[in-house]
Amino acid sequence: METKSTTRVLTLMDSVGLSQVKFAEKCGIRPSNFNRALKSEKGISSQYLLRIAHAFNVNFEWLRNGIGEMFAEEKAIGKAQFAAFNQMLDANSSPVSQNVISGDNYQGTQTINATEGKIAALEQKIEAQTQLLAEKDKLIARQEQEIEFLRGLVSKQQ
């Protein structure tokens, strides 16, 4: 039975053009375990979804719940920095800058992409923890209301 999160993972696999084995390896998941997760009736675990989101800079909420866009959104500051960097490189015709402009600096690009993926994953974790804290605050407020209600009942009986 294919769950909705499994369907989204398969969509991502198709989008990035990797085999199941290569996809799993890029996520740091054993291919045999990944295969079992894809076939599981329970669906893919949140831990695996986090690894996938991190490895491909994918929006975790999209993977898990189908909320938002597939790929994590770019930040405005990132776009501004990239534009400024491009202007600086355009002004400089050194071989190093030409390599960066032409994409010959593959390792540097991979490092930047990996860092951006880690930042996106951390931002998603912070957002999830913020939501959990908000829920905890709501529960505490409800419990305080119940305590006050019970105190009122006790004082009426005395």
Protein backbone atom coordinates (compact mmCIF):
# COMPACT_ATOMS: atom_id res chain seq x y z
CA MET A 1 0.00 0.00 0.00
CA GLU A 2 1.43 3.35 -1.03
CA THR A 3 0.99 6.24 1.42
CA LYS A 4 0.83 9.88 0.38
CA SER A 5 4.31 10.59 1.76
CA THR A 6 5.61 7.57 -0.19
CA THR A 7 4.02 8.99 -3.33
CA ARG A 8 5.75 12.33 -2.72
CA VAL A 9 9.11 10.58 -2.19
CA LEU A 10 8.63 8.72 -5.48
CA THR A 11 7.77 12.03 -7.16
CA LEU A 12 10.99 13.52 -5.77
CA MET A 13 13.00 10.50 -6.95
CA ASP A 14 11.60 11.00 -10.44
CA SER A 15 12.30 14.74 -10.25
CA VAL A 16 15.97 14.30 -9.35
CA GLY A 17 16.37 11.39 -11.77
CA LEU A 18 18.04 8.93 -9.41
CA SER A 19 17.53 5.21 -9.03
CA GLN A 20 16.14 3.97 -5.74
CA VAL A 21 19.59 2.72 -4.68
CA LYS A 22 21.40 5.99 -5.53
CA PHE A 23 18.61 8.02 -3.92
CA ALA A 24 18.86 6.02 -0.68
CA GLU A 25 22.66 6.26 -0.62
CA LYS A 26 22.54 10.05 -1.08
CA CYS A 27 20.21 10.21 1.94
CA GLY A 28 22.48 8.03 4.07
CA ILE A 29 19.91 5.21 4.16
CA ARG A 30 20.72 1.59 3.41
CA PRO A 31 19.02 0.73 0.10
CA SER A 32 17.42 -2.42 1.53
CA ASN A 33 15.93 -0.44 4.45
CA PHE A 34 14.73 2.26 2.07
CA ASN A 35 13.06 -0.37 -0.13
CA ARG A 36 11.23 -1.79 2.91
CA ALA A 37 10.15 1.72 3.95
CA LEU A 38 8.72 2.38 0.49
CA LYS A 39 6.70 -0.84 0.68
CA SER A 40 5.58 -0.37 4.29
CA GLU A 41 1.89 0.14 5.03
CA LYS A 42 2.90 2.63 7.74
CA GLY A 43 4.71 4.79 5.21
CA ILE A 44 8.15 6.29 5.41
CA SER A 45 9.28 7.30 8.89
CA SER A 46 9.75 10.96 9.83
CA GLN A 47 13.42 10.22 10.44
CA TYR A 48 13.85 9.05 6.84
CA LEU A 49 11.79 12.01 5.58
CA LEU A 50 14.14 14.38 7.45
CA ARG A 51 17.16 12.72 5.85
CA ILE A 52 15.56 13.02 2.42
CA ALA A 53 14.63 16.68 3.01
CA HIS A 54 18.19 17.42 4.11
CA ALA A 55 19.86 15.54 1.25
CA PHE A 56 17.81 17.21 -1.49
CA ASN A 57 16.95 20.57 0.12
CA VAL A 58 13.28 19.61 0.02
CA ASN A 59 10.55 21.15 2.14
CA PHE A 60 9.99 18.67 5.00
CA GLU A 61 6.34 19.71 5.42
CA TRP A 62 5.75 18.96 1.74
CA LEU A 63 7.31 15.51 2.11
CA ARG A 64 5.40 14.65 5.27
CA ASN A 65 2.03 16.37 4.77
CA GLY A 66 1.97 17.75 1.22
CA ILE A 67 2.02 21.34 2.53
CA GLY A 68 3.87 23.97 0.50
CA GLU A 69 6.22 23.52 -2.43
CA MET A 70 8.49 20.55 -3.05
CA PHE A 71 11.76 22.41 -2.77
CA ALA A 72 12.62 24.63 0.20
CA GLU A 73 12.08 28.28 -0.59
CA GLU A 74 15.02 30.55 -1.29
CA LYS A 75 15.49 33.40 1.16
CA ALA A 76 15.49 36.98 -0.14
CA ILE A 77 18.85 37.65 1.51
CA GLY A 78 20.30 34.67 -0.35
CA LYS A 79 19.11 36.10 -3.67
CA ALA A 80 20.61 39.50 -2.85
CA GLN A 81 23.94 37.96 -1.84
CA PHE A 82 23.99 35.83 -4.98
CA ALA A 83 23.29 38.87 -7.18
CA ALA A 84 26.07 40.86 -5.46
CA PHE A 85 28.46 37.93 -5.84
CA ASN A 86 27.64 37.66 -9.55
CA GLN A 87 28.27 41.38 -10.04
CA MET A 88 31.64 41.04 -8.32
CA LEU A 89 32.56 38.08 -10.51
CA ASP A 90 31.42 39.82 -13.68
CA ALA A 91 33.75 42.71 -12.85
CA ASN A 92 36.66 40.32 -12.39
CA SER A 93 37.83 38.31 -15.38
CA SER A 94 40.33 36.14 -13.48
CA PRO A 95 40.43 32.40 -14.31
CA VAL A 96 39.08 31.57 -10.84
CA SER A 97 36.05 33.81 -11.25
CA GLN A 98 35.45 32.44 -14.74
CA ASN A 99 35.48 28.89 -13.33
CA VAL A 100 32.89 29.84 -10.72
CA ILE A 101 30.72 31.62 -13.29
CA SER A 102 30.88 28.72 -15.74
CA GLY A 103 30.11 26.15 -13.05
CA ASP A 104 33.53 24.50 -13.24
CA ASN A 105 33.81 24.84 -9.47
CA TYR A 106 31.67 21.74 -8.92
CA GLN A 107 33.03 20.98 -5.42
CA GLY A 108 32.34 24.54 -4.26
CA THR A 109 28.81 24.36 -5.62
CA GLN A 110 28.24 21.07 -3.84
CA THR A 111 29.52 22.54 -0.57
CA ILE A 112 27.20 25.54 -0.90
CA ASN A 113 24.23 23.29 -1.74
CA ALA A 114 24.98 21.01 1.22
CA THR A 115 25.23 23.99 3.58
CA GLU A 116 21.96 25.45 2.29
CA GLY A 117 20.32 22.06 2.78
CA LYS A 118 21.55 21.90 6.37
CA ILE A 119 20.28 25.42 7.05
CA ALA A 120 16.87 24.57 5.56
CA ALA A 121 16.67 21.41 7.68
CA LEU A 122 17.55 23.38 10.83
CA GLU A 123 14.95 26.03 9.99
CA GLN A 124 12.36 23.28 9.59
CA LYS A 125 13.34 21.77 12.95
CA ILE A 126 13.06 25.18 14.62
CA GLU A 127 9.61 25.71 13.07
CA ALA A 128 8.46 22.27 14.25
CA GLN A 129 9.74 22.95 17.78
CA THR A 130 8.06 26.36 17.79
CA GLN A 131 4.76 24.68 16.90
CA LEU A 132 5.27 22.10 19.66
CA LEU A 133 5.97 24.84 22.20
CA ALA A 134 2.81 26.68 21.14
CA GLU A 135 0.79 23.49 21.61
CA LYS A 136 2.40 22.96 25.03
CA ASP A 137 1.44 26.51 26.05
CA LYS A 138 -2.16 25.86 24.98
CA LEU A 139 -2.28 22.67 27.04
CA ILE A 140 -0.87 24.44 30.09
CA ALA A 141 -3.45 27.22 29.73
CA ARG A 142 -6.26 24.65 29.51
CA GLN A 143 -4.95 22.82 32.58
CA GLU A 144 -4.78 26.09 34.51
CA GLN A 145 -8.40 26.81 33.58
CA GLU A 146 -9.44 23.35 34.75
CA ILE A 147 -7.58 23.84 38.04
CA GLU A 148 -9.34 27.17 38.61
CA PHE A 149 -12.69 25.55 37.82
CA LEU A 150 -12.01 22.74 40.29
CA ARG A 151 -10.90 25.24 42.95
CA GLY A 152 -14.19 27.08 42.45
CA LEU A 153 -16.14 23.85 42.95
CA VAL A 154 -14.18 22.98 46.09
CA SER A 155 -14.70 26.44 47.57
CA LYS A 156 -18.49 26.23 46.88
CA GLN A 157 -18.68 22.88 48.67
CA GLN A 158 -16.88 24.21 51.74
